[in-house]
């Protein structure tokens, strides 16, 4: 048996090396490298232009200054925008975790009629483009007086956030041995004690990953926030859109400075999130979701 396993491993390794050396593999890696080079070039040009005094027909700007960041901060009122962004993001994270973790536990541990349909329904807000359900959602929020307020922005962002928490947390819960929960119940632990003292410490990495991913997703959620926000409830991504397309003439350097600020708020969070969760795990979870 050991020899057979070693032979299979050697054969798989040989096939992998043979694939890497084929022209098709080099073509794939070349395309990936070209794509990454273009992305890096775009990001670098935005960052450099945010410090440029002027930059027209040369490889590098004529001079550098940091005044565009101060101008963007004053012109776009970034102080109040960042406060609103933080309030929306933290509220969405807390509420979605409070709702999503118990729901993920129910889907991971319980069998009930219609479970497959419920699982598919939770996936729809993630799989569908937000604009497809954003307009009807905004219509409902306007009808009940929530649109244009901070509460309306939070409610709109919860629609995809809660299913995303469920999607992330379900694999973490499934990895926990059910015998641990049975032992705790046999020892007299109640349901809330089981969650607080047994499951919560084991689920800390998953909760942290889900929270950071939801934080990044909320910061980047443009469609739902744009449709439901008002003048005093705009997040940073919506304010960035208005800085580009609203009426009036604005210096491109100040807009790029605002874009750099936005990038610096999301990129570190995404890197930290990837420390706790494997993207392939999420893909496998989506594929395993059955349909009726």
C-alpha atoms as a PDB file:
ATOM      1  CA  UNK A   1       0.000   0.000   0.000  1.00  0.00           C
ATOM      2  CA  UNK A   2       2.811   2.405   0.901  1.00  0.00           C
ATOM      3  CA  UNK A   3       4.641   1.577  -2.321  1.00  0.00           C
ATOM      4  CA  UNK A   4       1.469   2.183  -4.335  1.00  0.00           C
ATOM      5  CA  UNK A   5       0.934   5.557  -2.668  1.00  0.00           C
ATOM      6  CA  UNK A   6       4.531   6.534  -3.314  1.00  0.00           C
ATOM      7  CA  UNK A   7       4.219   5.491  -6.953  1.00  0.00           C
ATOM      8  CA  UNK A   8       1.072   7.574  -7.365  1.00  0.00           C
ATOM      9  CA  UNK A   9       2.750  10.545  -5.753  1.00  0.00           C
ATOM     10  CA  UNK A  10       5.792  10.216  -7.980  1.00  0.00           C
ATOM     11  CA  UNK A  11       3.589   9.920 -11.068  1.00  0.00           C
ATOM     12  CA  UNK A  12       1.570  13.005 -10.080  1.00  0.00           C
ATOM     13  CA  UNK A  13       4.755  14.968  -9.458  1.00  0.00           C
ATOM     14  CA  UNK A  14       6.129  13.877 -12.834  1.00  0.00           C
ATOM     15  CA  UNK A  15       2.931  14.962 -14.593  1.00  0.00           C
ATOM     16  CA  UNK A  16       2.991  18.308 -12.802  1.00  0.00           C
ATOM     17  CA  UNK A  17       6.591  18.977 -13.840  1.00  0.00           C
ATOM     18  CA  UNK A  18       5.808  17.945 -17.395  1.00  0.00           C
ATOM     19  CA  UNK A  19       2.886  20.366 -17.498  1.00  0.00           C
ATOM     20  CA  UNK A  20       4.993  23.226 -16.149  1.00  0.00           C
ATOM     21  CA  UNK A  21       7.475  22.812 -19.003  1.00  0.00           C
ATOM     22  CA  UNK A  22       4.857  22.699 -21.792  1.00  0.00           C
ATOM     23  CA  UNK A  23       4.210  25.697 -24.086  1.00  0.00           C
ATOM     24  CA  UNK A  24       0.647  25.943 -22.775  1.00  0.00           C
ATOM     25  CA  UNK A  25       1.920  26.420 -19.223  1.00  0.00           C
ATOM     26  CA  UNK A  26       4.326  29.131 -20.333  1.00  0.00           C
ATOM     27  CA  UNK A  27       1.478  30.838 -22.194  1.00  0.00           C
ATOM     28  CA  UNK A  28      -0.715  30.777 -19.095  1.00  0.00           C
ATOM     29  CA  UNK A  29       2.038  32.131 -16.853  1.00  0.00           C
ATOM     30  CA  UNK A  30       2.852  34.787 -19.436  1.00  0.00           C
ATOM     31  CA  UNK A  31      -0.780  35.937 -19.523  1.00  0.00           C
ATOM     32  CA  UNK A  32      -0.928  36.025 -15.712  1.00  0.00           C
ATOM     33  CA  UNK A  33       2.321  37.983 -15.550  1.00  0.00           C
ATOM     34  CA  UNK A  34       1.094  40.463 -18.192  1.00  0.00           C
ATOM     35  CA  UNK A  35      -2.134  40.986 -16.238  1.00  0.00           C
ATOM     36  CA  UNK A  36      -0.316  41.540 -12.941  1.00  0.00           C
ATOM     37  CA  UNK A  37       2.110  43.926 -14.626  1.00  0.00           C
ATOM     38  CA  UNK A  38      -0.775  46.024 -15.951  1.00  0.00           C
ATOM     39  CA  UNK A  39      -2.477  46.113 -12.540  1.00  0.00           C
ATOM     40  CA  UNK A  40       0.779  47.142 -10.860  1.00  0.00           C
ATOM     41  CA  UNK A  41       1.294  49.827 -13.514  1.00  0.00           C
ATOM     42  CA  UNK A  42      -2.165  51.311 -12.964  1.00  0.00           C
ATOM     43  CA  UNK A  43      -1.761  51.363  -9.170  1.00  0.00           C
ATOM     44  CA  UNK A  44       1.712  52.858  -9.430  1.00  0.00           C
ATOM     45  CA  UNK A  45       0.539  55.603 -11.790  1.00  0.00           C
ATOM     46  CA  UNK A  46      -2.276  56.570  -9.416  1.00  0.00           C
ATOM     47  CA  UNK A  47       0.079  56.643  -6.418  1.00  0.00           C
ATOM     48  CA  UNK A  48       2.734  58.674  -8.262  1.00  0.00           C
ATOM     49  CA  UNK A  49       0.183  61.132  -9.671  1.00  0.00           C
ATOM     50  CA  UNK A  50      -1.184  61.771  -6.182  1.00  0.00           C
ATOM     51  CA  UNK A  51       2.187  63.342  -5.343  1.00  0.00           C
ATOM     52  CA  UNK A  52       2.835  65.021  -8.715  1.00  0.00           C
ATOM     53  CA  UNK A  53       2.836  68.778  -9.189  1.00  0.00           C
ATOM     54  CA  UNK A  54       2.228  68.253 -12.919  1.00  0.00           C
ATOM     55  CA  UNK A  55       2.558  65.234 -15.197  1.00  0.00           C
ATOM     56  CA  UNK A  56       1.776  65.386 -18.903  1.00  0.00           C
ATOM     57  CA  UNK A  57       4.109  64.014 -21.581  1.00  0.00           C
ATOM     58  CA  UNK A  58       7.026  62.581 -19.608  1.00  0.00           C
ATOM     59  CA  UNK A  59       7.782  59.279 -17.888  1.00  0.00           C
ATOM     60  CA  UNK A  60       7.938  60.951 -14.471  1.00  0.00           C
ATOM     61  CA  UNK A  61       6.242  64.050 -13.005  1.00  0.00           C
ATOM     62  CA  UNK A  62       7.958  67.448 -13.131  1.00  0.00           C
ATOM     63  CA  UNK A  63       7.849  67.682  -9.334  1.00  0.00           C
ATOM     64  CA  UNK A  64       6.393  66.148  -6.181  1.00  0.00           C
ATOM     65  CA  UNK A  65       4.265  67.486  -3.360  1.00  0.00           C
ATOM     66  CA  UNK A  66       2.008  66.162  -0.609  1.00  0.00           C
ATOM     67  CA  UNK A  67      -0.370  69.130  -0.778  1.00  0.00           C
ATOM     68  CA  UNK A  68      -2.885  67.152  -2.827  1.00  0.00           C
ATOM     69  CA  UNK A  69      -3.682  64.983   0.208  1.00  0.00           C
ATOM     70  CA  UNK A  70      -4.447  68.057   2.304  1.00  0.00           C
ATOM     71  CA  UNK A  71      -6.522  69.488  -0.545  1.00  0.00           C
ATOM     72  CA  UNK A  72      -8.478  66.233  -0.907  1.00  0.00           C
ATOM     73  CA  UNK A  73      -9.062  66.083   2.853  1.00  0.00           C
ATOM     74  CA  UNK A  74     -10.502  69.607   2.899  1.00  0.00           C
ATOM     75  CA  UNK A  75     -12.341  69.555  -0.444  1.00  0.00           C
ATOM     76  CA  UNK A  76     -14.105  66.232   0.027  1.00  0.00           C
ATOM     77  CA  UNK A  77     -14.573  66.491   3.840  1.00  0.00           C
ATOM     78  CA  UNK A  78     -12.804  63.187   4.291  1.00  0.00           C
ATOM     79  CA  UNK A  79     -12.886  63.465   8.081  1.00  0.00           C
ATOM     80  CA  UNK A  80     -16.684  63.122   8.279  1.00  0.00           C
ATOM     81  CA  UNK A  81     -16.699  60.622   5.384  1.00  0.00           C
ATOM     82  CA  UNK A  82     -14.245  58.349   7.196  1.00  0.00           C
ATOM     83  CA  UNK A  83     -16.316  58.560  10.399  1.00  0.00           C
ATOM     84  CA  UNK A  84     -19.464  57.513   8.511  1.00  0.00           C
ATOM     85  CA  UNK A  85     -17.533  54.741   6.742  1.00  0.00           C
ATOM     86  CA  UNK A  86     -16.235  53.409  10.062  1.00  0.00           C
ATOM     87  CA  UNK A  87     -19.700  53.535  11.654  1.00  0.00           C
ATOM     88  CA  UNK A  88     -21.314  51.675   8.759  1.00  0.00           C
ATOM     89  CA  UNK A  89     -18.555  49.071   8.513  1.00  0.00           C
ATOM     90  CA  UNK A  90     -18.438  48.284  12.248  1.00  0.00           C
ATOM     91  CA  UNK A  91     -22.239  48.100  12.535  1.00  0.00           C
ATOM     92  CA  UNK A  92     -22.477  45.759   9.540  1.00  0.00           C
ATOM     93  CA  UNK A  93     -19.684  43.537  10.915  1.00  0.00           C
ATOM     94  CA  UNK A  94     -21.196  43.216  14.395  1.00  0.00           C
ATOM     95  CA  UNK A  95     -24.774  42.611  13.260  1.00  0.00           C
ATOM     96  CA  UNK A  96     -23.825  40.182  10.482  1.00  0.00           C
ATOM     97  CA  UNK A  97     -21.625  38.138  12.833  1.00  0.00           C
ATOM     98  CA  UNK A  98     -24.332  38.020  15.514  1.00  0.00           C
ATOM     99  CA  UNK A  99     -26.869  36.771  12.949  1.00  0.00           C
ATOM    100  CA  UNK A 100     -24.586  34.780  10.654  1.00  0.00           C
ATOM    101  CA  UNK A 101     -22.705  32.597  13.132  1.00  0.00           C
ATOM    102  CA  UNK A 102     -25.829  30.960  14.679  1.00  0.00           C
ATOM    103  CA  UNK A 103     -27.310  30.560  11.190  1.00  0.00           C
ATOM    104  CA  UNK A 104     -24.106  28.904   9.966  1.00  0.00           C
ATOM    105  CA  UNK A 105     -24.209  26.578  12.977  1.00  0.00           C
ATOM    106  CA  UNK A 106     -27.781  25.587  12.158  1.00  0.00           C
ATOM    107  CA  UNK A 107     -26.889  24.834   8.541  1.00  0.00           C
ATOM    108  CA  UNK A 108     -23.772  22.896   9.527  1.00  0.00           C
ATOM    109  CA  UNK A 109     -25.307  20.816  12.313  1.00  0.00           C
ATOM    110  CA  UNK A 110     -29.041  20.510  11.677  1.00  0.00           C
ATOM    111  CA  UNK A 111     -31.102  18.774   9.010  1.00  0.00           C
ATOM    112  CA  UNK A 112     -34.543  20.229   8.355  1.00  0.00           C
ATOM    113  CA  UNK A 113     -37.028  20.334   5.473  1.00  0.00           C
ATOM    114  CA  UNK A 114     -36.032  22.833   2.827  1.00  0.00           C
ATOM    115  CA  UNK A 115     -32.425  23.081   3.994  1.00  0.00           C
ATOM    116  CA  UNK A 116     -31.106  22.973   0.428  1.00  0.00           C
ATOM    117  CA  UNK A 117     -33.419  25.779  -0.655  1.00  0.00           C
ATOM    118  CA  UNK A 118     -32.411  27.892   2.353  1.00  0.00           C
ATOM    119  CA  UNK A 119     -28.723  27.323   1.582  1.00  0.00           C
ATOM    120  CA  UNK A 120     -29.265  28.369  -2.029  1.00  0.00           C
ATOM    121  CA  UNK A 121     -31.221  31.455  -0.926  1.00  0.00           C
ATOM    122  CA  UNK A 122     -28.302  32.540   1.262  1.00  0.00           C
ATOM    123  CA  UNK A 123     -25.964  32.262  -1.728  1.00  0.00           C
ATOM    124  CA  UNK A 124     -28.087  34.388  -4.081  1.00  0.00           C
ATOM    125  CA  UNK A 125     -27.105  37.838  -2.661  1.00  0.00           C
ATOM    126  CA  UNK A 126     -23.448  36.843  -3.066  1.00  0.00           C
ATOM    127  CA  UNK A 127     -23.732  35.370  -6.552  1.00  0.00           C
ATOM    128  CA  UNK A 128     -26.034  38.011  -8.071  1.00  0.00           C
ATOM    129  CA  UNK A 129     -24.740  41.485  -8.999  1.00  0.00           C
ATOM    130  CA  UNK A 130     -25.802  43.905  -6.240  1.00  0.00           C
ATOM    131  CA  UNK A 131     -27.464  46.249  -8.727  1.00  0.00           C
ATOM    132  CA  UNK A 132     -30.010  43.558  -9.654  1.00  0.00           C
ATOM    133  CA  UNK A 133     -31.572  43.608  -6.204  1.00  0.00           C
ATOM    134  CA  UNK A 134     -30.239  46.986  -5.085  1.00  0.00           C
ATOM    135  CA  UNK A 135     -32.878  49.053  -6.881  1.00  0.00           C
ATOM    136  CA  UNK A 136     -35.897  47.120  -5.449  1.00  0.00           C
ATOM    137  CA  UNK A 137     -34.199  47.152  -2.043  1.00  0.00           C
ATOM    138  CA  UNK A 138     -33.665  50.906  -2.226  1.00  0.00           C
ATOM    139  CA  UNK A 139     -37.305  51.346  -3.255  1.00  0.00           C
ATOM    140  CA  UNK A 140     -38.455  49.469  -0.159  1.00  0.00           C
ATOM    141  CA  UNK A 141     -36.116  51.444   2.104  1.00  0.00           C
ATOM    142  CA  UNK A 142     -37.358  54.730   0.631  1.00  0.00           C
ATOM    143  CA  UNK A 143     -40.947  53.629   1.175  1.00  0.00           C
ATOM    144  CA  UNK A 144     -40.270  53.025   4.883  1.00  0.00           C
ATOM    145  CA  UNK A 145     -38.152  56.142   5.345  1.00  0.00           C
ATOM    146  CA  UNK A 146     -34.795  54.429   5.865  1.00  0.00           C
ATOM    147  CA  UNK A 147     -33.073  55.430   2.617  1.00  0.00           C
ATOM    148  CA  UNK A 148     -30.821  58.467   2.821  1.00  0.00           C
ATOM    149  CA  UNK A 149     -29.951  57.714   6.435  1.00  0.00           C
ATOM    150  CA  UNK A 150     -27.169  55.840   8.176  1.00  0.00           C
ATOM    151  CA  UNK A 151     -29.612  53.102   9.200  1.00  0.00           C
ATOM    152  CA  UNK A 152     -30.644  52.565   5.592  1.00  0.00           C
ATOM    153  CA  UNK A 153     -27.046  52.160   4.452  1.00  0.00           C
ATOM    154  CA  UNK A 154     -26.428  49.619   7.216  1.00  0.00           C
ATOM    155  CA  UNK A 155     -29.579  47.641   6.383  1.00  0.00           C
ATOM    156  CA  UNK A 156     -28.716  47.566   2.681  1.00  0.00           C
ATOM    157  CA  UNK A 157     -25.189  46.297   3.336  1.00  0.00           C
ATOM    158  CA  UNK A 158     -26.493  43.576   5.653  1.00  0.00           C
ATOM    159  CA  UNK A 159     -28.260  41.863   2.749  1.00  0.00           C
ATOM    160  CA  UNK A 160     -25.043  40.440   1.232  1.00  0.00           C
ATOM    161  CA  UNK A 161     -23.026  40.563   4.477  1.00  0.00           C
ATOM    162  CA  UNK A 162     -25.038  38.040   6.499  1.00  0.00           C
ATOM    163  CA  UNK A 163     -24.950  35.326   3.775  1.00  0.00           C
ATOM    164  CA  UNK A 164     -21.217  35.956   3.355  1.00  0.00           C
ATOM    165  CA  UNK A 165     -20.637  35.318   7.063  1.00  0.00           C
ATOM    166  CA  UNK A 166     -22.639  32.104   6.782  1.00  0.00           C
ATOM    167  CA  UNK A 167     -20.579  31.019   3.787  1.00  0.00           C
ATOM    168  CA  UNK A 168     -17.285  31.667   5.599  1.00  0.00           C
ATOM    169  CA  UNK A 169     -18.291  30.219   8.978  1.00  0.00           C
ATOM    170  CA  UNK A 170     -19.925  26.999   7.813  1.00  0.00           C
ATOM    171  CA  UNK A 171     -16.609  25.240   6.937  1.00  0.00           C
ATOM    172  CA  UNK A 172     -15.106  26.331  10.268  1.00  0.00           C
ATOM    173  CA  UNK A 173     -18.047  24.870  12.197  1.00  0.00           C
ATOM    174  CA  UNK A 174     -17.998  21.642  10.180  1.00  0.00           C
ATOM    175  CA  UNK A 175     -14.348  21.113  11.147  1.00  0.00           C
ATOM    176  CA  UNK A 176     -15.247  20.994  14.854  1.00  0.00           C
ATOM    177  CA  UNK A 177     -15.865  17.476  16.153  1.00  0.00           C
ATOM    178  CA  UNK A 178     -19.537  17.150  17.234  1.00  0.00           C
ATOM    179  CA  UNK A 179     -18.380  14.886  20.076  1.00  0.00           C
ATOM    180  CA  UNK A 180     -16.986  17.973  21.808  1.00  0.00           C
ATOM    181  CA  UNK A 181     -20.464  19.487  21.897  1.00  0.00           C
ATOM    182  CA  UNK A 182     -22.015  16.211  23.083  1.00  0.00           C
ATOM    183  CA  UNK A 183     -19.489  16.002  25.898  1.00  0.00           C
ATOM    184  CA  UNK A 184     -20.265  19.560  26.959  1.00  0.00           C
ATOM    185  CA  UNK A 185     -24.007  18.854  26.989  1.00  0.00           C
ATOM    186  CA  UNK A 186     -23.479  15.667  28.985  1.00  0.00           C
ATOM    187  CA  UNK A 187     -21.549  17.759  31.499  1.00  0.00           C
ATOM    188  CA  UNK A 188     -24.594  19.987  31.956  1.00  0.00           C
ATOM    189  CA  UNK A 189     -23.742  22.894  29.669  1.00  0.00           C
ATOM    190  CA  UNK A 190     -26.705  24.846  28.390  1.00  0.00           C
ATOM    191  CA  UNK A 191     -26.997  26.145  24.837  1.00  0.00           C
ATOM    192  CA  UNK A 192     -25.603  29.604  25.579  1.00  0.00           C
ATOM    193  CA  UNK A 193     -22.798  28.110  27.670  1.00  0.00           C
ATOM    194  CA  UNK A 194     -21.981  25.758  24.798  1.00  0.00           C
ATOM    195  CA  UNK A 195     -21.638  28.694  22.420  1.00  0.00           C
ATOM    196  CA  UNK A 196     -19.733  30.997  24.776  1.00  0.00           C
ATOM    197  CA  UNK A 197     -17.360  28.551  26.492  1.00  0.00           C
ATOM    198  CA  UNK A 198     -16.887  25.770  23.936  1.00  0.00           C
ATOM    199  CA  UNK A 199     -17.622  26.887  20.375  1.00  0.00           C
ATOM    200  CA  UNK A 200     -16.630  30.555  20.543  1.00  0.00           C
ATOM    201  CA  UNK A 201     -12.947  29.922  21.465  1.00  0.00           C
ATOM    202  CA  UNK A 202     -12.680  27.337  18.668  1.00  0.00           C
ATOM    203  CA  UNK A 203     -14.329  29.652  16.139  1.00  0.00           C
ATOM    204  CA  UNK A 204     -12.206  32.739  16.879  1.00  0.00           C
ATOM    205  CA  UNK A 205     -10.078  32.383  13.688  1.00  0.00           C
ATOM    206  CA  UNK A 206     -13.191  31.969  11.546  1.00  0.00           C
ATOM    207  CA  UNK A 207     -14.995  34.879  13.214  1.00  0.00           C
ATOM    208  CA  UNK A 208     -11.958  37.115  12.752  1.00  0.00           C
ATOM    209  CA  UNK A 209     -11.666  36.119   9.089  1.00  0.00           C
ATOM    210  CA  UNK A 210     -15.378  36.663   8.454  1.00  0.00           C
ATOM    211  CA  UNK A 211     -15.332  40.015  10.267  1.00  0.00           C
ATOM    212  CA  UNK A 212     -12.351  41.364   8.324  1.00  0.00           C
ATOM    213  CA  UNK A 213     -13.711  40.116   4.993  1.00  0.00           C
ATOM    214  CA  UNK A 214     -17.081  41.726   5.721  1.00  0.00           C
ATOM    215  CA  UNK A 215     -15.286  44.921   6.714  1.00  0.00           C
ATOM    216  CA  UNK A 216     -13.422  44.976   3.395  1.00  0.00           C
ATOM    217  CA  UNK A 217     -16.571  44.063   1.478  1.00  0.00           C
ATOM    218  CA  UNK A 218     -18.574  46.844   3.139  1.00  0.00           C
ATOM    219  CA  UNK A 219     -15.872  49.415   2.444  1.00  0.00           C
ATOM    220  CA  UNK A 220     -15.913  48.354  -1.221  1.00  0.00           C
ATOM    221  CA  UNK A 221     -19.699  48.017  -1.603  1.00  0.00           C
ATOM    222  CA  UNK A 222     -20.603  50.826  -3.998  1.00  0.00           C
ATOM    223  CA  UNK A 223     -23.943  49.917  -5.571  1.00  0.00           C
ATOM    224  CA  UNK A 224     -26.055  49.373  -2.445  1.00  0.00           C
ATOM    225  CA  UNK A 225     -24.477  52.270  -0.580  1.00  0.00           C
ATOM    226  CA  UNK A 226     -24.851  54.621  -3.545  1.00  0.00           C
ATOM    227  CA  UNK A 227     -28.550  53.759  -3.939  1.00  0.00           C
ATOM    228  CA  UNK A 228     -29.425  54.195  -0.255  1.00  0.00           C
ATOM    229  CA  UNK A 229     -27.055  56.884   1.078  1.00  0.00           C
ATOM    230  CA  UNK A 230     -27.726  60.576   1.549  1.00  0.00           C
ATOM    231  CA  UNK A 231     -25.528  63.652   1.693  1.00  0.00           C
ATOM    232  CA  UNK A 232     -24.454  62.889   5.272  1.00  0.00           C
ATOM    233  CA  UNK A 233     -24.340  59.073   5.012  1.00  0.00           C
ATOM    234  CA  UNK A 234     -21.832  58.523   2.210  1.00  0.00           C
ATOM    235  CA  UNK A 235     -19.038  56.036   2.650  1.00  0.00           C
ATOM    236  CA  UNK A 236     -15.570  56.546   1.219  1.00  0.00           C
ATOM    237  CA  UNK A 237     -16.200  54.638  -2.021  1.00  0.00           C
ATOM    238  CA  UNK A 238     -19.329  56.694  -2.800  1.00  0.00           C
ATOM    239  CA  UNK A 239     -17.524  59.933  -1.979  1.00  0.00           C
ATOM    240  CA  UNK A 240     -14.764  58.858  -4.360  1.00  0.00           C
ATOM    241  CA  UNK A 241     -17.349  58.335  -7.106  1.00  0.00           C
ATOM    242  CA  UNK A 242     -18.840  61.790  -6.547  1.00  0.00           C
ATOM    243  CA  UNK A 243     -15.380  63.350  -6.568  1.00  0.00           C
ATOM    244  CA  UNK A 244     -14.882  62.004 -10.092  1.00  0.00           C
ATOM    245  CA  UNK A 245     -18.312  62.397 -11.687  1.00  0.00           C
ATOM    246  CA  UNK A 246     -20.031  65.209  -9.774  1.00  0.00           C
ATOM    247  CA  UNK A 247     -20.391  68.634 -11.346  1.00  0.00           C
ATOM    248  CA  UNK A 248     -17.393  70.936 -11.226  1.00  0.00           C
ATOM    249  CA  UNK A 249     -13.710  70.777 -12.115  1.00  0.00           C
ATOM    250  CA  UNK A 250     -11.355  68.962  -9.754  1.00  0.00           C
ATOM    251  CA  UNK A 251      -7.644  68.338  -9.977  1.00  0.00           C
ATOM    252  CA  UNK A 252      -6.857  64.777 -10.954  1.00  0.00           C
ATOM    253  CA  UNK A 253      -4.103  64.652  -8.336  1.00  0.00           C
ATOM    254  CA  UNK A 254      -6.550  65.277  -5.488  1.00  0.00           C
ATOM    255  CA  UNK A 255      -8.854  62.551  -6.779  1.00  0.00           C
ATOM    256  CA  UNK A 256      -5.899  60.160  -6.999  1.00  0.00           C
ATOM    257  CA  UNK A 257      -4.896  61.130  -3.462  1.00  0.00           C
ATOM    258  CA  UNK A 258      -8.380  60.177  -2.303  1.00  0.00           C
ATOM    259  CA  UNK A 259      -8.094  56.875  -4.197  1.00  0.00           C
ATOM    260  CA  UNK A 260      -4.785  56.129  -2.465  1.00  0.00           C
ATOM    261  CA  UNK A 261      -6.381  56.809   0.927  1.00  0.00           C
ATOM    262  CA  UNK A 262      -9.189  54.400   0.028  1.00  0.00           C
ATOM    263  CA  UNK A 263      -6.701  51.740  -1.084  1.00  0.00           C
ATOM    264  CA  UNK A 264      -4.667  52.092   2.104  1.00  0.00           C
ATOM    265  CA  UNK A 265      -7.796  51.495   4.209  1.00  0.00           C
ATOM    266  CA  UNK A 266      -8.749  48.238   2.480  1.00  0.00           C
ATOM    267  CA  UNK A 267      -5.537  46.528   1.386  1.00  0.00           C
ATOM    268  CA  UNK A 268      -4.090  45.867   4.881  1.00  0.00           C
ATOM    269  CA  UNK A 269      -7.434  44.481   6.038  1.00  0.00           C
ATOM    270  CA  UNK A 270      -7.598  42.112   3.075  1.00  0.00           C
ATOM    271  CA  UNK A 271      -4.062  40.859   3.725  1.00  0.00           C
ATOM    272  CA  UNK A 272      -4.921  40.177   7.370  1.00  0.00           C
ATOM    273  CA  UNK A 273      -8.123  38.366   6.354  1.00  0.00           C
ATOM    274  CA  UNK A 274      -6.241  36.067   3.973  1.00  0.00           C
ATOM    275  CA  UNK A 275      -4.079  35.080   6.937  1.00  0.00           C
ATOM    276  CA  UNK A 276      -7.081  33.360   8.510  1.00  0.00           C
ATOM    277  CA  UNK A 277      -9.065  31.994   5.563  1.00  0.00           C
ATOM    278  CA  UNK A 278      -8.139  30.075   2.432  1.00  0.00           C
ATOM    279  CA  UNK A 279      -9.968  31.319  -0.699  1.00  0.00           C
ATOM    280  CA  UNK A 280     -10.052  27.774  -2.138  1.00  0.00           C
ATOM    281  CA  UNK A 281     -11.997  26.723   0.937  1.00  0.00           C
ATOM    282  CA  UNK A 282     -14.725  29.225   0.052  1.00  0.00           C
ATOM    283  CA  UNK A 283     -14.820  28.042  -3.562  1.00  0.00           C
ATOM    284  CA  UNK A 284     -15.182  24.435  -2.427  1.00  0.00           C
ATOM    285  CA  UNK A 285     -17.995  25.433  -0.089  1.00  0.00           C
ATOM    286  CA  UNK A 286     -19.894  27.131  -2.919  1.00  0.00           C
ATOM    287  CA  UNK A 287     -19.485  24.088  -5.161  1.00  0.00           C
ATOM    288  CA  UNK A 288     -20.741  21.770  -2.451  1.00  0.00           C
ATOM    289  CA  UNK A 289     -23.964  23.713  -1.962  1.00  0.00           C
ATOM    290  CA  UNK A 290     -26.690  21.395  -3.323  1.00  0.00           C
ATOM    291  CA  UNK A 291     -29.760  22.442  -5.203  1.00  0.00           C
ATOM    292  CA  UNK A 292     -33.184  20.910  -5.318  1.00  0.00           C
END
